[in-house]
Amino acid sequence: MMTARKLPQSIDSRILARIHGLGRGSVFVSTDFLDLGSREAIDIALHRLARKGTIRRLARGVYDFPKQHPVLGLLSPSADAVAKALAGRDRTRLQPAGAYAANALGLSEQVPAKAVFLTDGPSRTVKIGPTTIQLRRTTARNMAAAGRLSGLLIQALRELGQEHVTRERREHLKRTLPADKRRELLKDLRLAPAWMHPIFRELAEEDA
């Protein structure tokens, strides 16, 4: 009887130790802790920690260990952190897309209400406060450059459209992207639509 009473506390403390290890601003899902106990026990423990205010429930099965600002209070987690938590630990890849990709490169000042990530894993959507975070399953070709500057650039330029990739925007990319990263764009030229090839070459020039 004593053991049965202590077990939930043991799971709570082990989960909490892992969360502290992840640090403030981290986002996690129930399945991240399955090595510590059964799904039911994990869900109960996370619910208890959320009720105490130690962690915050963002959506069903999604939690964070929020950062606290001295004036603003609890801060919202980044879309990247939420997307990575949703992708889970099954080695799926993520590629920012749409308006979120354009904003990440500074090509658009508009902060999108929906952050879209392409993935080779299952599709999933959650709403965190005013922001919707969507994982959208896509083709292997669209994921070929995931995790590299070329992948982000392809998605951002696709969102803008050829006629809106102005001289000013190209100059902005030259100023803000490291030269070594720009040179690597040529390696993924074949993955980009033909209309982007001149832009990739321009950005990759030594004196860009």
Protein backbone atom coordinates (compact mmCIF):
# COMPACT_ATOMS: atom_id res chain seq x y z
CA MET A 1 0.00 0.00 0.00
CA MET A 2 2.88 2.36 0.89
CA THR A 3 4.60 1.62 -2.43
CA ALA A 4 1.43 2.33 -4.42
CA ARG A 5 1.13 5.68 -2.67
CA LYS A 6 4.72 6.69 -3.34
CA LEU A 7 4.86 5.66 -7.00
CA PRO A 8 3.01 8.69 -8.42
CA GLN A 9 5.26 11.04 -6.42
CA SER A 10 8.30 9.23 -7.77
CA ILE A 11 7.07 9.69 -11.35
CA ASP A 12 6.28 13.35 -10.63
CA SER A 13 9.79 14.02 -9.35
CA ARG A 14 11.46 12.20 -12.24
CA ILE A 15 9.37 14.07 -14.81
CA LEU A 16 10.09 17.35 -13.05
CA ALA A 17 13.83 16.64 -13.01
CA ARG A 18 13.76 16.05 -16.78
CA ILE A 19 11.73 19.22 -17.36
CA HIS A 20 14.22 21.25 -15.32
CA GLY A 21 16.97 19.73 -17.45
CA LEU A 22 15.20 20.92 -20.60
CA GLY A 23 15.04 24.44 -19.18
CA ARG A 24 12.51 27.23 -19.28
CA GLY A 25 10.90 27.80 -22.65
CA SER A 26 10.86 24.07 -23.41
CA VAL A 27 7.73 22.43 -24.82
CA PHE A 28 6.92 18.75 -24.39
CA VAL A 29 4.20 16.15 -24.90
CA SER A 30 3.12 13.18 -22.80
CA THR A 31 4.95 10.64 -24.95
CA ASP A 32 8.30 12.31 -24.20
CA PHE A 33 8.20 10.64 -20.78
CA LEU A 34 7.02 7.12 -21.62
CA ASP A 35 10.33 5.64 -20.45
CA LEU A 36 9.43 6.81 -16.92
CA GLY A 37 6.05 5.09 -16.59
CA SER A 38 2.76 4.17 -18.23
CA ARG A 39 0.91 6.66 -20.43
CA GLU A 40 -1.85 6.95 -17.84
CA ALA A 41 0.62 7.63 -15.01
CA ILE A 42 2.45 10.23 -17.12
CA ASP A 43 -0.78 12.01 -18.05
CA ILE A 44 -1.87 12.13 -14.40
CA ALA A 45 1.54 13.43 -13.29
CA LEU A 46 1.58 16.17 -15.95
CA HIS A 47 -1.97 17.16 -15.01
CA ARG A 48 -0.89 17.46 -11.38
CA LEU A 49 2.15 19.58 -12.26
CA ALA A 50 -0.01 21.84 -14.45
CA ARG A 51 -2.59 22.23 -11.69
CA LYS A 52 0.18 23.32 -9.30
CA GLY A 53 1.34 25.90 -11.84
CA THR A 54 4.77 24.27 -12.22
CA ILE A 55 4.16 23.70 -15.93
CA ARG A 56 1.53 25.09 -18.29
CA ARG A 57 -0.96 23.18 -20.43
CA LEU A 58 -0.94 24.67 -23.93
CA ALA A 59 -3.29 22.25 -25.69
CA ARG A 60 -4.42 18.70 -25.23
CA GLY A 61 -1.33 16.67 -24.38
CA VAL A 62 1.01 19.65 -25.01
CA TYR A 63 2.75 21.48 -22.15
CA ASP A 64 5.56 23.94 -21.58
CA PHE A 65 7.89 25.07 -18.80
CA PRO A 66 7.28 28.77 -19.40
CA LYS A 67 9.81 31.56 -19.28
CA GLN A 68 8.85 34.40 -16.99
CA HIS A 69 9.42 38.08 -17.80
CA PRO A 70 9.62 40.50 -14.85
CA VAL A 71 7.07 42.84 -16.47
CA LEU A 72 5.17 40.76 -19.04
CA GLY A 73 4.77 37.66 -16.86
CA LEU A 74 4.63 34.23 -18.49
CA LEU A 75 5.86 34.31 -22.09
CA SER A 76 4.41 32.29 -24.95
CA PRO A 77 6.60 29.48 -26.31
CA SER A 78 8.17 29.80 -29.75
CA ALA A 79 6.39 28.19 -32.70
CA ASP A 80 9.61 26.25 -33.38
CA ALA A 81 9.57 24.71 -29.89
CA VAL A 82 5.91 23.71 -30.21
CA ALA A 83 6.44 22.21 -33.68
CA LYS A 84 9.42 20.17 -32.50
CA ALA A 85 7.41 18.83 -29.57
CA LEU A 86 4.53 17.89 -31.88
CA ALA A 87 6.92 16.15 -34.26
CA GLY A 88 7.96 13.99 -31.33
CA ARG A 89 11.00 11.81 -31.02
CA ASP A 90 10.30 9.61 -34.04
CA ARG A 91 13.00 11.34 -36.10
CA THR A 92 10.62 13.25 -38.32
CA ARG A 93 11.97 16.39 -39.95
CA LEU A 94 10.47 19.87 -40.02
CA GLN A 95 10.66 22.62 -42.63
CA PRO A 96 9.20 26.09 -41.90
CA ALA A 97 6.95 27.14 -44.78
CA GLY A 98 4.64 29.89 -45.99
CA ALA A 99 4.47 33.27 -44.30
CA TYR A 100 6.33 31.85 -41.28
CA ALA A 101 9.38 31.06 -43.46
CA ALA A 102 9.28 34.53 -45.06
CA ASN A 103 9.09 36.18 -41.64
CA ALA A 104 11.97 34.04 -40.31
CA LEU A 105 14.24 35.41 -43.06
CA GLY A 106 13.08 38.98 -42.51
CA LEU A 107 11.42 39.11 -45.93
CA SER A 108 8.09 39.98 -44.35
CA GLU A 109 7.40 42.01 -41.22
CA GLN A 110 3.97 40.48 -40.82
CA VAL A 111 3.84 37.96 -37.98
CA PRO A 112 1.60 35.19 -39.31
CA ALA A 113 -1.34 33.96 -37.25
CA LYS A 114 -0.58 30.47 -38.59
CA ALA A 115 2.91 28.95 -38.41
CA VAL A 116 3.13 26.18 -41.00
CA PHE A 117 5.83 23.50 -40.92
CA LEU A 118 6.18 20.85 -43.60
CA THR A 119 7.01 17.40 -42.26
CA ASP A 120 7.64 13.84 -43.34
CA GLY A 121 5.71 12.70 -40.27
CA PRO A 122 1.98 12.84 -39.52
CA SER A 123 -0.02 16.04 -39.99
CA ARG A 124 -1.17 17.78 -36.83
CA THR A 125 -2.58 21.17 -35.85
CA VAL A 126 -2.79 22.88 -32.47
CA LYS A 127 -3.90 26.36 -31.43
CA ILE A 128 -1.72 28.04 -28.81
CA GLY A 129 -3.32 31.31 -27.76
CA PRO A 130 -3.81 33.44 -30.90
CA THR A 131 -1.38 31.35 -32.99
CA THR A 132 -2.16 28.17 -34.93
CA ILE A 133 0.75 25.79 -35.44
CA GLN A 134 0.31 23.32 -38.25
CA LEU A 135 2.45 20.34 -39.21
CA ARG A 136 1.62 19.49 -42.81
CA ARG A 137 2.77 16.20 -44.29
CA THR A 138 4.41 16.73 -47.68
CA THR A 139 6.48 15.03 -50.40
CA ALA A 140 10.02 13.76 -50.03
CA ARG A 141 11.17 16.39 -52.54
CA ASN A 142 9.84 19.24 -50.40
CA MET A 143 11.72 17.81 -47.42
CA ALA A 144 15.00 17.19 -49.26
CA ALA A 145 16.56 20.46 -48.03
CA ALA A 146 14.90 20.50 -44.58
CA GLY A 147 17.12 21.93 -41.88
CA ARG A 148 19.26 23.90 -44.33
CA LEU A 149 19.14 27.52 -45.47
CA SER A 150 18.14 26.44 -48.97
CA GLY A 151 15.00 24.72 -47.65
CA LEU A 152 13.95 27.81 -45.72
CA LEU A 153 14.72 30.08 -48.69
CA ILE A 154 12.77 27.94 -51.16
CA GLN A 155 9.68 28.04 -48.97
CA ALA A 156 10.00 31.78 -48.26
CA LEU A 157 10.43 32.69 -51.94
CA ARG A 158 7.56 30.41 -52.90
CA GLU A 159 5.34 32.27 -50.44
CA LEU A 160 6.33 35.68 -51.85
CA GLY A 161 6.09 34.72 -55.52
CA GLN A 162 8.60 35.57 -58.25
CA GLU A 163 7.29 39.07 -58.91
CA HIS A 164 7.70 40.07 -55.25
CA VAL A 165 11.34 39.00 -54.85
CA THR A 166 12.51 42.57 -55.30
CA ARG A 167 16.03 43.99 -55.43
CA GLU A 168 15.51 45.31 -51.89
CA ARG A 169 14.63 41.86 -50.60
CA ARG A 170 17.63 40.27 -52.33
CA GLU A 171 19.90 42.94 -50.85
CA HIS A 172 18.42 42.25 -47.42
CA LEU A 173 19.31 38.54 -47.76
CA LYS A 174 22.86 39.42 -48.81
CA ARG A 175 23.27 41.61 -45.73
CA THR A 176 21.75 39.24 -43.20
CA LEU A 177 22.80 35.76 -44.34
CA PRO A 178 26.37 34.60 -43.60
CA ALA A 179 28.56 34.31 -46.72
CA ASP A 180 29.46 30.67 -46.02
CA LYS A 181 25.76 29.73 -45.81
CA ARG A 182 24.99 31.62 -49.02
CA ARG A 183 27.72 29.73 -50.89
CA GLU A 184 26.13 26.43 -49.85
CA LEU A 185 22.93 27.35 -51.70
CA LEU A 186 24.45 26.16 -54.98
CA LYS A 187 24.58 22.58 -53.65
CA ASP A 188 20.77 22.51 -53.51
CA LEU A 189 20.10 24.37 -56.74
CA ARG A 190 18.44 21.29 -58.29
CA LEU A 191 15.86 21.27 -55.48
CA ALA A 192 14.65 24.81 -56.21
CA PRO A 193 12.17 25.79 -58.96
CA ALA A 194 13.89 27.10 -62.11
CA TRP A 195 12.83 30.70 -61.48
CA MET A 196 14.75 30.69 -58.18
CA HIS A 197 18.07 29.58 -59.75
CA PRO A 198 19.26 33.13 -60.66
CA ILE A 199 18.42 34.30 -57.13
CA PHE A 200 20.37 31.42 -55.55
CA ARG A 201 23.35 32.16 -57.83
CA GLU A 202 23.25 35.86 -57.02
CA LEU A 203 23.19 35.19 -53.28
CA ALA A 204 26.02 32.66 -53.56
CA GLU A 205 28.43 35.07 -55.26
CA GLU A 206 31.59 35.79 -53.24
CA ASP A 207 31.08 39.55 -53.40
CA ALA A 208 27.34 39.35 -52.73
